[in-house]
């Protein structure tokens, strides 16, 4: 995996990241996302660092994976949680440590930050493979359930 590079996403990655998100939603949740909406959402994150950032994995200048990090303030800890979201690695590059490299980049950025207190993510209940990966990286399941209401 010496030829894999990890970097922060830029606006020039927006279309590809958007495509990754559409593939991921279809693959993991059988959801078809609106292409325009996803692209605009990705562009907003890339244009405004207070919304979050993307981590990109490349091999030979070809983007093969990405994830998004957003922020949650914890008054209990007086610090930010970095939320890992929208993880995607191209099928032919899976099970080769690509996600581990991106995950480690998030950990390094959290540790370098003066006010990051940890990382969090959510995963589909049926995505057993992803759950194993996260546990193998030292993460643990919490006692919280996730609820939402969409508008």
C-alpha atoms as a PDB file:
ATOM      1  CA  UNK A   1       0.000   0.000   0.000  1.00  0.00           C
ATOM      2  CA  UNK A   2       3.026   2.275  -0.373  1.00  0.00           C
ATOM      3  CA  UNK A   3       1.572   3.804  -3.525  1.00  0.00           C
ATOM      4  CA  UNK A   4      -1.589   5.007  -1.785  1.00  0.00           C
ATOM      5  CA  UNK A   5      -1.690   8.677  -0.872  1.00  0.00           C
ATOM      6  CA  UNK A   6      -4.122  10.375   1.479  1.00  0.00           C
ATOM      7  CA  UNK A   7      -5.056  14.032   1.152  1.00  0.00           C
ATOM      8  CA  UNK A   8      -7.817  16.487   1.929  1.00  0.00           C
ATOM      9  CA  UNK A   9     -10.508  16.883  -0.694  1.00  0.00           C
ATOM     10  CA  UNK A  10     -10.737  19.991  -2.857  1.00  0.00           C
ATOM     11  CA  UNK A  11     -13.500  21.505  -4.955  1.00  0.00           C
ATOM     12  CA  UNK A  12     -12.088  19.706  -8.002  1.00  0.00           C
ATOM     13  CA  UNK A  13     -13.081  16.409  -6.301  1.00  0.00           C
ATOM     14  CA  UNK A  14     -16.755  17.381  -5.917  1.00  0.00           C
ATOM     15  CA  UNK A  15     -18.157  15.468  -8.884  1.00  0.00           C
ATOM     16  CA  UNK A  16     -16.301  12.269  -8.042  1.00  0.00           C
ATOM     17  CA  UNK A  17     -17.179  12.448  -4.327  1.00  0.00           C
ATOM     18  CA  UNK A  18     -20.808  13.019  -5.311  1.00  0.00           C
ATOM     19  CA  UNK A  19     -20.682   9.950  -7.543  1.00  0.00           C
ATOM     20  CA  UNK A  20     -19.175   7.898  -4.694  1.00  0.00           C
ATOM     21  CA  UNK A  21     -22.028   8.974  -2.406  1.00  0.00           C
ATOM     22  CA  UNK A  22     -24.638   7.955  -4.915  1.00  0.00           C
ATOM     23  CA  UNK A  23     -22.998   4.528  -5.354  1.00  0.00           C
ATOM     24  CA  UNK A  24     -22.679   4.073  -1.596  1.00  0.00           C
ATOM     25  CA  UNK A  25     -26.344   4.898  -0.928  1.00  0.00           C
ATOM     26  CA  UNK A  26     -27.485   2.474  -3.609  1.00  0.00           C
ATOM     27  CA  UNK A  27     -25.131  -0.274  -2.449  1.00  0.00           C
ATOM     28  CA  UNK A  28     -25.734  -0.027   1.301  1.00  0.00           C
ATOM     29  CA  UNK A  29     -29.324   1.229   1.565  1.00  0.00           C
ATOM     30  CA  UNK A  30     -30.831   0.647  -1.896  1.00  0.00           C
ATOM     31  CA  UNK A  31     -31.478   4.395  -2.078  1.00  0.00           C
ATOM     32  CA  UNK A  32     -31.283   6.455  -5.239  1.00  0.00           C
ATOM     33  CA  UNK A  33     -30.048   9.936  -4.389  1.00  0.00           C
ATOM     34  CA  UNK A  34     -30.756  13.044  -6.424  1.00  0.00           C
ATOM     35  CA  UNK A  35     -27.542  13.790  -8.323  1.00  0.00           C
ATOM     36  CA  UNK A  36     -27.907  17.574  -8.208  1.00  0.00           C
ATOM     37  CA  UNK A  37     -28.719  17.656  -4.480  1.00  0.00           C
ATOM     38  CA  UNK A  38     -25.746  15.469  -3.563  1.00  0.00           C
ATOM     39  CA  UNK A  39     -23.352  17.482  -5.722  1.00  0.00           C
ATOM     40  CA  UNK A  40     -24.499  20.758  -4.146  1.00  0.00           C
ATOM     41  CA  UNK A  41     -24.160  19.222  -0.667  1.00  0.00           C
ATOM     42  CA  UNK A  42     -20.618  18.061  -1.384  1.00  0.00           C
ATOM     43  CA  UNK A  43     -19.690  21.452  -2.835  1.00  0.00           C
ATOM     44  CA  UNK A  44     -20.960  23.219   0.293  1.00  0.00           C
ATOM     45  CA  UNK A  45     -18.698  21.131   2.534  1.00  0.00           C
ATOM     46  CA  UNK A  46     -15.705  21.698   0.257  1.00  0.00           C
ATOM     47  CA  UNK A  47     -16.382  25.451   0.167  1.00  0.00           C
ATOM     48  CA  UNK A  48     -16.797  25.903   3.925  1.00  0.00           C
ATOM     49  CA  UNK A  49     -14.437  24.256   6.420  1.00  0.00           C
ATOM     50  CA  UNK A  50     -16.860  24.896   9.297  1.00  0.00           C
ATOM     51  CA  UNK A  51     -19.187  22.286   7.746  1.00  0.00           C
ATOM     52  CA  UNK A  52     -16.499  19.615   7.583  1.00  0.00           C
ATOM     53  CA  UNK A  53     -13.917  18.206   5.212  1.00  0.00           C
ATOM     54  CA  UNK A  54     -13.272  15.202   2.993  1.00  0.00           C
ATOM     55  CA  UNK A  55     -10.380  12.781   3.137  1.00  0.00           C
ATOM     56  CA  UNK A  56      -9.384  11.333  -0.235  1.00  0.00           C
ATOM     57  CA  UNK A  57      -7.432   8.152  -1.013  1.00  0.00           C
ATOM     58  CA  UNK A  58      -5.542   8.008  -4.309  1.00  0.00           C
ATOM     59  CA  UNK A  59      -3.402   5.522  -6.183  1.00  0.00           C
ATOM     60  CA  UNK A  60      -1.348   6.813  -9.121  1.00  0.00           C
ATOM     61  CA  UNK A  61      -3.367  10.082  -9.008  1.00  0.00           C
ATOM     62  CA  UNK A  62      -6.641   8.140  -9.319  1.00  0.00           C
ATOM     63  CA  UNK A  63      -9.167   8.793  -6.543  1.00  0.00           C
ATOM     64  CA  UNK A  64     -10.270   5.435  -5.151  1.00  0.00           C
ATOM     65  CA  UNK A  65     -11.981   6.387  -1.899  1.00  0.00           C
ATOM     66  CA  UNK A  66     -13.302   9.174   0.251  1.00  0.00           C
ATOM     67  CA  UNK A  67     -14.933   9.934   3.541  1.00  0.00           C
ATOM     68  CA  UNK A  68     -16.436  13.052   5.054  1.00  0.00           C
ATOM     69  CA  UNK A  69     -15.798  14.414   8.533  1.00  0.00           C
ATOM     70  CA  UNK A  70     -18.314  16.678  10.242  1.00  0.00           C
ATOM     71  CA  UNK A  71     -18.225  18.147  13.735  1.00  0.00           C
ATOM     72  CA  UNK A  72     -20.275  17.814  16.905  1.00  0.00           C
ATOM     73  CA  UNK A  73     -19.584  19.980  19.955  1.00  0.00           C
ATOM     74  CA  UNK A  74     -19.620  18.148  23.289  1.00  0.00           C
ATOM     75  CA  UNK A  75     -20.223  20.375  26.282  1.00  0.00           C
ATOM     76  CA  UNK A  76     -19.609  17.336  28.509  1.00  0.00           C
ATOM     77  CA  UNK A  77     -16.057  17.125  27.183  1.00  0.00           C
ATOM     78  CA  UNK A  78     -15.489  20.726  26.139  1.00  0.00           C
ATOM     79  CA  UNK A  79     -14.367  19.486  22.751  1.00  0.00           C
ATOM     80  CA  UNK A  80     -15.333  18.467  19.240  1.00  0.00           C
ATOM     81  CA  UNK A  81     -16.159  14.978  18.059  1.00  0.00           C
ATOM     82  CA  UNK A  82     -15.132  14.323  14.479  1.00  0.00           C
ATOM     83  CA  UNK A  83     -17.947  12.330  12.855  1.00  0.00           C
ATOM     84  CA  UNK A  84     -16.826  10.038  10.042  1.00  0.00           C
ATOM     85  CA  UNK A  85     -19.533   9.823   7.397  1.00  0.00           C
ATOM     86  CA  UNK A  86     -20.101   8.925   3.771  1.00  0.00           C
ATOM     87  CA  UNK A  87     -17.331   6.326   3.566  1.00  0.00           C
ATOM     88  CA  UNK A  88     -16.713   4.888   0.122  1.00  0.00           C
ATOM     89  CA  UNK A  89     -13.899   2.817  -1.362  1.00  0.00           C
ATOM     90  CA  UNK A  90     -14.080   1.551  -4.938  1.00  0.00           C
ATOM     91  CA  UNK A  91     -14.960  -2.142  -5.039  1.00  0.00           C
ATOM     92  CA  UNK A  92     -11.671  -3.307  -6.575  1.00  0.00           C
ATOM     93  CA  UNK A  93      -9.675  -1.589  -3.786  1.00  0.00           C
ATOM     94  CA  UNK A  94     -11.631  -2.924  -0.816  1.00  0.00           C
ATOM     95  CA  UNK A  95     -10.029  -5.160   1.811  1.00  0.00           C
ATOM     96  CA  UNK A  96      -6.618  -3.645   1.069  1.00  0.00           C
ATOM     97  CA  UNK A  97      -6.346  -1.222   3.997  1.00  0.00           C
ATOM     98  CA  UNK A  98      -7.587   1.877   2.156  1.00  0.00           C
ATOM     99  CA  UNK A  99     -10.189   2.721   4.768  1.00  0.00           C
ATOM    100  CA  UNK A 100      -7.615   2.152   7.530  1.00  0.00           C
ATOM    101  CA  UNK A 101      -5.353   4.787   5.960  1.00  0.00           C
ATOM    102  CA  UNK A 102      -8.191   7.317   5.742  1.00  0.00           C
ATOM    103  CA  UNK A 103      -9.330   6.468   9.293  1.00  0.00           C
ATOM    104  CA  UNK A 104      -5.795   6.980  10.611  1.00  0.00           C
ATOM    105  CA  UNK A 105      -5.677  10.382   8.906  1.00  0.00           C
ATOM    106  CA  UNK A 106      -8.843  11.381  10.770  1.00  0.00           C
ATOM    107  CA  UNK A 107      -7.337  10.176  14.065  1.00  0.00           C
ATOM    108  CA  UNK A 108      -4.139  12.122  13.396  1.00  0.00           C
ATOM    109  CA  UNK A 109      -6.086  15.294  12.629  1.00  0.00           C
ATOM    110  CA  UNK A 110      -8.158  14.846  15.779  1.00  0.00           C
ATOM    111  CA  UNK A 111      -5.035  14.388  17.917  1.00  0.00           C
ATOM    112  CA  UNK A 112      -3.351  17.403  16.284  1.00  0.00           C
ATOM    113  CA  UNK A 113      -6.389  19.556  16.991  1.00  0.00           C
ATOM    114  CA  UNK A 114      -6.335  21.444  20.263  1.00  0.00           C
ATOM    115  CA  UNK A 115      -9.999  20.723  20.968  1.00  0.00           C
ATOM    116  CA  UNK A 116     -10.992  17.389  19.416  1.00  0.00           C
ATOM    117  CA  UNK A 117     -12.081  14.850  22.023  1.00  0.00           C
ATOM    118  CA  UNK A 118     -12.755  11.822  19.824  1.00  0.00           C
ATOM    119  CA  UNK A 119     -14.197  10.342  16.665  1.00  0.00           C
ATOM    120  CA  UNK A 120     -17.615   8.839  16.058  1.00  0.00           C
ATOM    121  CA  UNK A 121     -19.489   7.245  13.218  1.00  0.00           C
ATOM    122  CA  UNK A 122     -22.711   5.425  12.557  1.00  0.00           C
ATOM    123  CA  UNK A 123     -23.170   2.277  10.507  1.00  0.00           C
ATOM    124  CA  UNK A 124     -26.170   0.418   9.115  1.00  0.00           C
ATOM    125  CA  UNK A 125     -27.259  -2.432  11.424  1.00  0.00           C
ATOM    126  CA  UNK A 126     -26.931  -4.963   8.611  1.00  0.00           C
ATOM    127  CA  UNK A 127     -23.476  -3.807   7.462  1.00  0.00           C
ATOM    128  CA  UNK A 128     -21.616  -6.463   9.434  1.00  0.00           C
ATOM    129  CA  UNK A 129     -18.413  -6.149   7.363  1.00  0.00           C
ATOM    130  CA  UNK A 130     -18.079  -2.436   8.140  1.00  0.00           C
ATOM    131  CA  UNK A 131     -18.803  -3.070  11.824  1.00  0.00           C
ATOM    132  CA  UNK A 132     -15.952  -5.593  11.934  1.00  0.00           C
ATOM    133  CA  UNK A 133     -13.594  -3.082  10.321  1.00  0.00           C
ATOM    134  CA  UNK A 134     -14.472  -0.379  12.848  1.00  0.00           C
ATOM    135  CA  UNK A 135     -14.059  -2.771  15.791  1.00  0.00           C
ATOM    136  CA  UNK A 136     -10.707  -3.966  14.428  1.00  0.00           C
ATOM    137  CA  UNK A 137      -9.573  -0.335  14.354  1.00  0.00           C
ATOM    138  CA  UNK A 138     -10.312   0.035  18.074  1.00  0.00           C
ATOM    139  CA  UNK A 139     -13.767   1.581  17.941  1.00  0.00           C
ATOM    140  CA  UNK A 140     -16.563   0.256  20.138  1.00  0.00           C
ATOM    141  CA  UNK A 141     -20.336   0.255  19.973  1.00  0.00           C
ATOM    142  CA  UNK A 142     -21.987   2.846  22.202  1.00  0.00           C
ATOM    143  CA  UNK A 143     -25.145   2.615  24.290  1.00  0.00           C
ATOM    144  CA  UNK A 144     -26.917   5.233  22.150  1.00  0.00           C
ATOM    145  CA  UNK A 145     -29.560   4.731  19.481  1.00  0.00           C
ATOM    146  CA  UNK A 146     -29.738   7.151  16.567  1.00  0.00           C
ATOM    147  CA  UNK A 147     -33.067   8.889  15.926  1.00  0.00           C
ATOM    148  CA  UNK A 148     -33.922  11.348  13.190  1.00  0.00           C
ATOM    149  CA  UNK A 149     -36.718  13.370  11.694  1.00  0.00           C
ATOM    150  CA  UNK A 150     -36.316  14.587   8.134  1.00  0.00           C
ATOM    151  CA  UNK A 151     -37.814  17.775   6.718  1.00  0.00           C
END
